[in-house]
Protein backbone atom coordinates (compact mmCIF):
# COMPACT_ATOMS: atom_id res chain seq x y z
CA MET A 1 245.19 167.83 215.02
CA THR A 2 244.20 166.95 218.58
CA LEU A 3 241.20 164.82 219.51
CA ASP A 4 239.90 164.03 222.98
CA ARG A 5 239.30 160.28 223.30
CA SER A 6 236.81 160.76 226.12
CA GLY A 7 234.51 162.82 223.89
CA VAL A 8 234.59 160.63 220.81
CA LEU A 9 231.63 158.44 221.77
CA GLY A 10 229.38 161.49 221.96
CA CYS A 11 230.29 162.72 218.47
CA ASP A 12 228.49 162.32 215.20
CA PRO A 13 230.34 159.49 213.40
CA LEU A 14 230.46 161.32 210.10
CA GLY A 15 231.88 164.37 211.86
CA VAL A 16 234.59 162.31 213.54
CA LEU A 17 235.63 160.71 210.26
CA LEU A 18 235.67 164.00 208.38
CA ALA A 19 237.85 165.42 211.14
CA LEU A 20 240.48 162.82 210.29
CA ILE A 21 240.84 163.91 206.66
CA PRO A 22 242.65 167.29 207.14
CA PRO A 23 245.56 165.86 209.14
CA LEU A 24 245.87 163.02 206.64
CA LEU A 25 245.95 165.35 203.66
CA SER A 26 248.48 167.62 205.33
CA GLY A 27 250.67 164.76 206.53
CA ARG A 28 250.23 165.71 210.20
CA PRO A 29 249.70 162.99 212.83
CA LEU A 30 246.47 162.63 214.75
CA VAL A 31 247.24 163.13 218.44
CA ASP A 32 245.52 163.24 221.79
CA GLY A 33 246.61 164.25 225.27
CA ASP A 34 248.73 161.11 225.61
CA GLY A 35 250.61 161.56 222.34
CA VAL A 36 250.40 160.26 218.80
CA VAL A 37 247.40 158.04 218.08
CA SER A 38 248.73 156.68 214.83
CA PRO A 39 251.75 157.70 212.73
CA ALA A 40 250.92 159.70 209.62
CA PRO A 41 252.78 159.35 206.32
CA SER A 42 254.60 162.25 204.74
CA VAL A 43 252.71 164.96 202.89
CA GLU A 44 254.15 163.74 199.60
CA ASP A 45 253.08 160.14 200.25
CA VAL A 46 249.55 161.13 201.29
CA ARG A 47 249.03 163.21 198.17
CA ARG A 48 249.93 160.22 196.02
CA LEU A 49 247.29 158.02 197.64
CA ASP A 50 244.04 157.42 195.83
CA GLU A 51 240.65 157.66 197.50
CA VAL A 52 240.51 154.03 198.62
CA GLU A 53 243.99 154.18 200.13
CA ARG A 54 243.12 157.36 202.03
CA MET A 55 240.00 155.67 203.38
CA HIS A 56 242.06 152.73 204.63
CA LEU A 57 244.44 155.13 206.33
CA ALA A 58 241.66 157.23 207.86
CA TYR A 59 239.91 154.19 209.31
CA ALA A 60 243.17 152.84 210.72
CA GLN A 61 243.50 156.05 212.74
CA PHE A 62 239.79 156.00 213.58
CA ARG A 63 240.11 152.52 215.10
CA SER A 64 243.20 153.49 217.04
CA LEU A 65 241.20 156.10 218.97
CA PHE A 66 239.45 153.20 220.66
CA VAL A 67 241.58 150.07 220.61
CA GLU A 68 244.70 151.87 221.86
CA SER A 69 242.83 153.61 224.68
CA PRO A 70 243.55 152.51 228.26
CA GLY A 71 240.85 150.16 229.48
CA TRP A 72 239.71 149.10 226.01
CA LEU A 73 237.54 145.99 226.16
CA ALA A 74 236.89 144.05 222.98
CA PRO A 75 233.15 143.96 222.20
CA ARG A 76 231.39 140.60 222.13
CA VAL A 77 229.49 139.85 218.93
CA ALA A 78 227.48 136.79 217.89
CA VAL A 79 228.17 135.64 214.32
CA VAL A 80 225.53 133.52 212.61
CA LEU A 81 226.68 131.51 209.60
CA SER A 82 224.44 129.11 207.69
CA SER A 83 225.78 127.16 204.73
CA ASN A 84 224.65 124.43 202.35
CA ARG A 85 228.01 124.48 200.52
CA PRO A 86 230.62 122.63 202.58
CA GLN A 87 233.43 123.66 200.21
CA PHE A 88 233.16 127.25 201.52
CA VAL A 89 232.82 126.59 205.24
CA ALA A 90 236.47 126.25 206.19
CA GLY A 91 237.39 129.49 204.39
CA ALA A 92 234.54 131.37 206.06
CA ILE A 93 235.59 130.16 209.52
CA THR A 94 239.18 131.22 208.85
CA GLN A 95 238.04 134.75 208.04
CA ILE A 96 235.83 134.89 211.14
CA GLN A 97 238.71 133.76 213.36
CA ALA A 98 240.92 136.44 211.76
CA GLN A 99 238.70 139.32 212.96
CA ARG A 100 240.62 141.76 215.16
CA TRP A 101 239.74 143.56 218.40
CA VAL A 102 236.49 141.63 218.93
CA GLU A 103 235.42 138.50 220.81
CA LEU A 104 233.09 136.33 218.80
CA GLU A 105 230.41 133.80 219.57
CA LEU A 106 230.16 131.71 216.39
CA VAL A 107 227.06 129.64 215.67
CA LEU A 108 227.42 127.56 212.52
CA GLY A 109 224.48 125.89 210.84
CA LEU A 110 224.92 123.31 208.08
CA HIS A 111 221.79 123.17 205.96
CA GLY A 112 221.23 119.87 204.22
CA VAL A 113 224.92 118.88 204.29
CA SER A 114 227.28 117.08 206.64
CA PRO A 115 230.32 118.80 208.21
CA PRO A 116 233.34 118.71 205.85
CA ASP A 117 236.35 116.68 206.92
CA ASP A 118 238.65 119.73 206.99
CA LEU A 119 236.42 121.85 209.22
CA GLY A 120 238.94 121.84 212.06
CA LEU A 121 238.31 123.57 215.36
CA LEU A 122 235.69 126.29 215.38
CA GLU A 123 237.25 128.11 218.32
CA GLY A 124 240.45 130.04 217.75
CA GLY A 125 241.59 133.56 217.03
CA ALA A 126 238.70 135.94 217.68
CA VAL A 127 236.25 133.06 218.25
CA THR A 128 236.02 132.34 221.97
CA GLU A 129 232.81 130.30 221.90
CA ALA A 130 231.37 128.20 219.09
CA SER A 131 228.86 125.52 218.22
CA ILE A 132 227.77 123.63 215.11
CA HIS A 133 224.26 122.49 214.22
CA VAL A 134 223.01 120.38 211.32
CA PHE A 135 219.59 120.91 209.71
CA LYS A 136 217.64 118.83 207.24
CA ASP A 137 217.40 120.12 203.69
CA ASP A 138 213.66 120.81 203.94
CA VAL A 139 214.01 123.32 206.79
CA VAL A 140 213.32 126.87 205.57
CA PHE A 141 216.42 129.10 205.50
CA GLY A 142 214.85 131.78 207.69
CA ASP A 143 213.96 129.15 210.29
CA VAL A 144 217.57 127.93 210.26
CA LEU A 145 218.85 131.44 210.97
CA GLN A 146 216.27 131.98 213.70
CA GLU A 147 217.13 128.74 215.51
CA LEU A 148 220.84 129.55 215.29
CA THR A 149 220.28 133.07 216.60
CA GLU A 150 218.26 131.80 219.54
CA LYS A 151 221.34 129.88 220.65
CA THR A 152 223.39 133.11 220.99
CA THR A 153 223.67 135.35 224.04
CA SER A 154 225.53 138.43 222.75
CA GLU A 155 223.95 141.88 222.59
CA HIS A 156 225.08 142.34 218.99
CA LEU A 157 224.31 139.97 216.12
CA ALA A 158 226.20 139.77 212.81
CA LYS A 159 225.15 137.81 209.73
CA TRP A 160 227.98 136.20 207.74
CA ASP A 161 227.80 134.65 204.27
CA ASP A 162 229.92 131.62 203.48
CA ASP A 163 231.05 132.67 200.00
CA ASP A 164 231.86 136.37 200.47
CA LEU A 165 235.21 137.84 201.50
CA TYR A 166 235.95 139.88 204.62
CA GLY A 167 238.87 141.89 205.97
CA PRO A 168 240.11 141.59 209.57
CA HIS A 169 238.44 144.82 210.80
CA HIS A 170 235.03 144.15 209.25
CA LEU A 171 233.16 143.45 212.48
CA LEU A 172 235.00 146.04 214.57
CA ASP A 173 234.11 148.80 212.12
CA LEU A 174 230.44 147.76 212.08
CA TRP A 175 230.35 147.69 215.88
CA LEU A 176 232.01 151.12 216.18
CA LEU A 177 229.50 152.66 213.77
CA HIS A 178 226.64 150.99 215.63
CA VAL A 179 227.82 152.42 218.96
CA LEU A 180 228.60 155.88 217.59
CA SER A 181 225.40 156.29 215.59
CA GLY A 182 223.06 154.61 218.04
CA VAL A 183 221.03 153.03 215.22
CA ALA A 184 219.64 149.51 215.46
CA ILE A 185 221.22 148.06 212.32
CA VAL A 186 224.37 148.93 210.39
CA GLY A 187 225.95 147.31 207.39
CA LYS A 188 227.86 147.68 204.16
CA ALA A 189 226.69 147.85 200.59
CA ALA A 190 228.12 145.48 197.99
CA GLU A 191 230.54 148.15 196.81
CA PHE A 192 233.32 145.74 195.82
CA VAL A 193 232.35 142.65 193.80
CA LEU A 194 234.54 139.75 192.66
CA LEU A 195 233.35 138.20 189.40
CA GLU A 196 235.19 134.92 189.83
CA GLU A 197 234.61 133.54 186.35
CA GLN A 198 236.13 136.66 184.81
CA ASP A 199 238.90 137.17 187.39
CA LEU A 200 237.58 140.72 187.74
CA VAL A 201 236.98 142.92 190.79
CA VAL A 202 234.71 145.90 190.21
CA ARG A 203 233.79 148.82 192.44
CA ARG A 204 230.29 150.30 192.40
CA ARG A 205 229.31 153.46 194.28
CA GLY A 206 225.60 152.99 194.87
CA GLY A 207 225.12 156.00 197.14
CA ARG A 208 226.88 157.75 200.00
CA ILE A 209 228.63 155.99 202.86
CA LEU A 210 227.91 156.98 206.48
CA SER A 211 224.30 157.69 205.64
CA GLU A 212 220.84 156.29 206.29
CA THR A 213 219.86 153.66 203.70
CA SER A 214 218.12 150.32 203.37
CA PHE A 215 220.43 149.14 200.56
CA LEU A 216 222.75 146.94 202.58
CA ALA A 217 224.31 143.59 201.69
CA GLY A 218 222.80 140.66 203.55
CA GLY A 219 226.23 139.24 204.40
CA ALA A 220 227.47 142.46 206.02
CA LEU A 221 224.89 143.30 208.69
CA LEU A 222 225.21 143.95 212.42
CA VAL A 223 222.04 144.45 214.44
CA SER A 224 221.15 145.17 218.03
CA ARG A 225 219.72 142.01 219.60
CA VAL A 226 217.09 144.07 221.44
CA ALA A 227 215.80 145.58 218.20
CA PHE A 228 216.08 142.21 216.44
CA ASP A 229 213.96 140.45 219.07
CA GLY A 230 211.55 143.39 219.10
CA VAL A 231 210.47 142.75 215.51
CA GLY A 232 210.31 138.97 215.88
CA GLY A 233 213.71 137.97 214.50
CA TRP A 234 214.19 136.29 211.13
CA SER A 235 211.06 135.57 209.12
CA SER A 236 210.27 132.06 207.93
CA LEU A 237 211.35 132.74 204.34
CA PRO A 238 213.47 130.71 201.90
CA ARG A 239 215.47 133.77 200.75
CA SER A 240 215.85 137.57 201.12
CA VAL A 241 215.57 137.23 204.89
CA ASP A 242 218.02 140.10 205.40
CA GLN A 243 216.03 142.60 203.32
CA ASP A 244 212.88 141.46 205.07
CA LEU A 245 214.51 142.16 208.45
CA ILE A 246 215.68 145.63 207.36
CA GLY A 247 212.17 146.42 206.14
CA ARG A 248 210.46 145.30 209.35
CA LEU A 249 212.94 147.26 211.46
CA ALA A 250 212.25 150.36 209.34
CA ARG A 251 208.51 149.97 209.77
CA SER A 252 209.10 149.79 213.51
CA GLY A 253 210.95 153.10 213.45
CA HIS A 254 214.54 151.78 213.37
CA ILE A 255 217.08 153.43 211.08
CA SER A 256 219.56 151.37 209.06
CA PHE A 257 222.94 152.99 208.47
CA ARG A 258 225.61 152.33 205.84
CA ASN A 259 229.29 152.02 206.76
CA HIS A 260 232.23 152.27 204.37
CA GLY A 261 232.56 149.52 201.78
CA LEU A 262 236.10 148.44 202.64
CA GLU A 263 236.95 144.91 203.81
CA PHE A 264 233.86 143.32 202.28
CA VAL A 265 233.73 141.81 198.79
CA LEU A 266 230.58 140.25 197.41
CA THR A 267 231.71 137.19 195.49
CA ARG A 268 230.05 135.84 192.40
CA ARG A 269 231.27 132.24 192.40
CA VAL A 270 231.55 130.06 189.35
CA ASP A 271 229.32 127.40 190.92
CA GLY A 272 226.35 129.61 191.61
CA HIS A 273 225.03 132.37 193.85
CA THR A 274 221.77 132.98 195.66
CA TRP A 275 221.33 136.40 194.00
CA PRO A 276 220.15 135.46 190.47
CA VAL A 277 221.64 138.24 188.32
CA ILE A 278 224.29 137.96 185.62
CA ASP A 279 227.81 139.39 185.84
CA ALA A 280 226.97 142.07 183.27
CA TYR A 281 224.71 143.68 185.88
CA PHE A 282 227.74 144.47 188.05
CA VAL A 283 230.02 145.42 185.16
CA ALA A 284 227.46 147.93 183.86
CA ALA A 285 227.33 149.66 187.26
CA ALA A 286 231.08 149.59 187.85
CA GLU A 287 233.14 152.73 188.25
CA LEU A 288 236.50 150.96 188.53
CA GLY A 289 237.81 147.50 187.74
CA TRP A 290 240.93 145.48 188.49
CA GLY A 291 242.23 141.94 188.28
CA ARG A 292 242.54 140.05 191.55
CA ILE A 293 244.78 142.78 192.90
CA GLY A 294 241.44 144.50 193.51
CA LEU A 295 240.95 142.21 196.49
CA GLU A 296 244.00 143.70 198.17
CA ILE A 297 242.76 147.18 197.29
CA ALA A 298 239.43 146.36 198.97
CA GLY A 299 241.29 145.07 202.04
CA VAL A 300 240.46 141.36 202.06
CA GLU A 301 242.77 138.38 202.36
CA THR A 302 243.56 136.86 198.96
CA THR A 303 244.39 133.54 200.64
CA ALA A 304 240.67 133.07 201.28
CA VAL A 305 239.91 133.11 197.55
CA SER A 306 239.72 129.96 195.46
CA PRO A 307 242.22 129.76 192.57
CA ARG A 308 241.25 130.95 189.15
CA PRO A 309 238.86 128.37 187.63
CA SER A 310 240.08 126.21 184.79
CA GLN A 311 238.72 127.26 181.42
CA SER A 312 237.42 124.48 179.22
CA GLY A 313 236.52 126.86 176.42
CA ALA A 314 236.96 130.42 175.25
CA LEU A 315 235.28 132.92 177.57
CA PRO A 316 234.22 136.41 176.46
CA SER A 317 236.80 139.15 176.98
CA LEU A 318 236.22 142.69 178.19
CA ALA A 319 237.17 146.17 177.03
CA MET A 320 237.62 149.03 179.47
CA CYS A 321 237.15 152.74 178.76
CA VAL A 322 238.84 154.96 181.36
CA PRO A 323 238.09 158.71 181.39
CA ASN A 324 241.02 160.78 182.60
CA LYS A 325 242.01 164.41 182.98
CA ASN A 326 245.24 165.56 184.58
CA ASP A 327 245.62 162.36 186.64
CA ARG A 328 249.07 161.01 185.90
CA PHE A 329 249.13 159.04 189.15
CA GLY A 330 245.86 157.30 188.25
CA LEU A 331 247.37 156.15 184.97
CA GLU A 332 250.48 154.92 186.76
CA ARG A 333 248.24 152.70 188.91
CA LEU A 334 246.40 151.48 185.83
CA GLU A 335 249.69 150.60 184.16
CA ALA A 336 250.79 148.74 187.30
CA VAL A 337 247.68 146.54 187.54
CA ALA A 338 247.02 146.03 183.82
CA SER A 339 248.97 142.77 183.76
CA GLU A 340 246.58 141.35 186.39
CA MET A 341 243.50 142.00 184.23
CA HIS A 342 243.46 138.60 182.57
CA ARG A 343 240.11 139.08 180.85
CA VAL A 344 240.61 142.69 179.68
CA GLU A 345 241.53 142.61 176.01
CA ARG A 346 241.62 146.35 175.38
CA ILE A 347 242.02 149.45 177.54
CA VAL A 348 240.96 152.78 176.05
CA VAL A 349 241.93 155.92 177.97
CA ALA A 350 239.90 159.00 177.05
CA ASP A 351 242.18 161.96 177.78
CA ASP A 352 240.03 165.06 178.32
CA ARG A 353 242.53 167.77 177.28
CA SER A 354 245.13 167.04 179.97
CA GLN A 355 248.03 169.46 180.06
CA PRO A 356 250.40 168.10 178.96
CA PRO A 357 248.61 165.24 177.13
CA LEU A 358 248.90 161.99 179.04
CA GLU A 359 250.31 158.76 177.67
CA ILE A 360 249.78 155.22 178.94
CA LYS A 361 252.14 152.31 178.41
CA VAL A 362 251.06 148.70 178.96
CA GLY A 363 253.52 146.03 177.96
CA ASP A 364 255.05 146.94 174.61
CA HIS A 365 252.21 149.25 173.59
CA SER A 366 251.65 152.91 174.37
CA SER A 367 248.83 155.32 173.53
């Protein structure tokens, strides 16, 4: 399949992405006038990939249309990070520095805490300019974000949460969608969630990707600075400042758009989270679940994750029911990751008249 790089920016983003699927499914490379954009795997290999793996592959080729073009200039993005938990700051900075194909202006605000001893240098990797600011505990969270934002000069503003996990192309993909779609604010939903206490990663659908929606995660937003300033910036609120911003932009006629859910994992830490819902809320809405191998499936660095918490007492276990029909490869993946599911006590596979009947083997047991 041949694509013209010069015409990509004028295309509908959903149309461009859908155009990548046929060559991937057929095993053909995606090419332009200068040659191969990105090598494609064999037909046999592609057909064995699951949906998430195909999405990773499609977006790798999608990025290459831009970053491998002659004259590519990395976009400049301001990243605003506010934290009152110093134990998470160093890990967050490491993930920001690891962003690829972007130049970042990092503004770090410490809210009611002093800088940790292991903070290190803020500049490095993708971060070309950085500053740190300390606020008293009684300053409202929204005011902290607003003061930090006012210190930035980039045309694009990204909000980053200290305790969530991000892959290296997170900001590039948001910026590309923002440029292609022309909307004021883009983001990701909390599709992948790490339940740290249970050592469980779940995937929730929650609607279509590459579509207009206001259901975006607060830690995965990128907004045009012009539109942001046009609605008055962050409100002086103690929480939910991101949803407030999305709402005010919508009332001003600005569309919010959802990107894919890869390379962003909402993390439910053992020592608390600002979203006050229990883990069962995420488990009930989950379509798939893994052990910590799910972080690699989502596309985030496992080195940024704290080790499994020590267990002082017995914690409740989980049972999983997996519907299946004629998907031998899906069961092979389940067998491969079952040993990582530390908290899953029982796996029940409901075989819906597969031909021939499917069998799963985990450890010394088969069914």
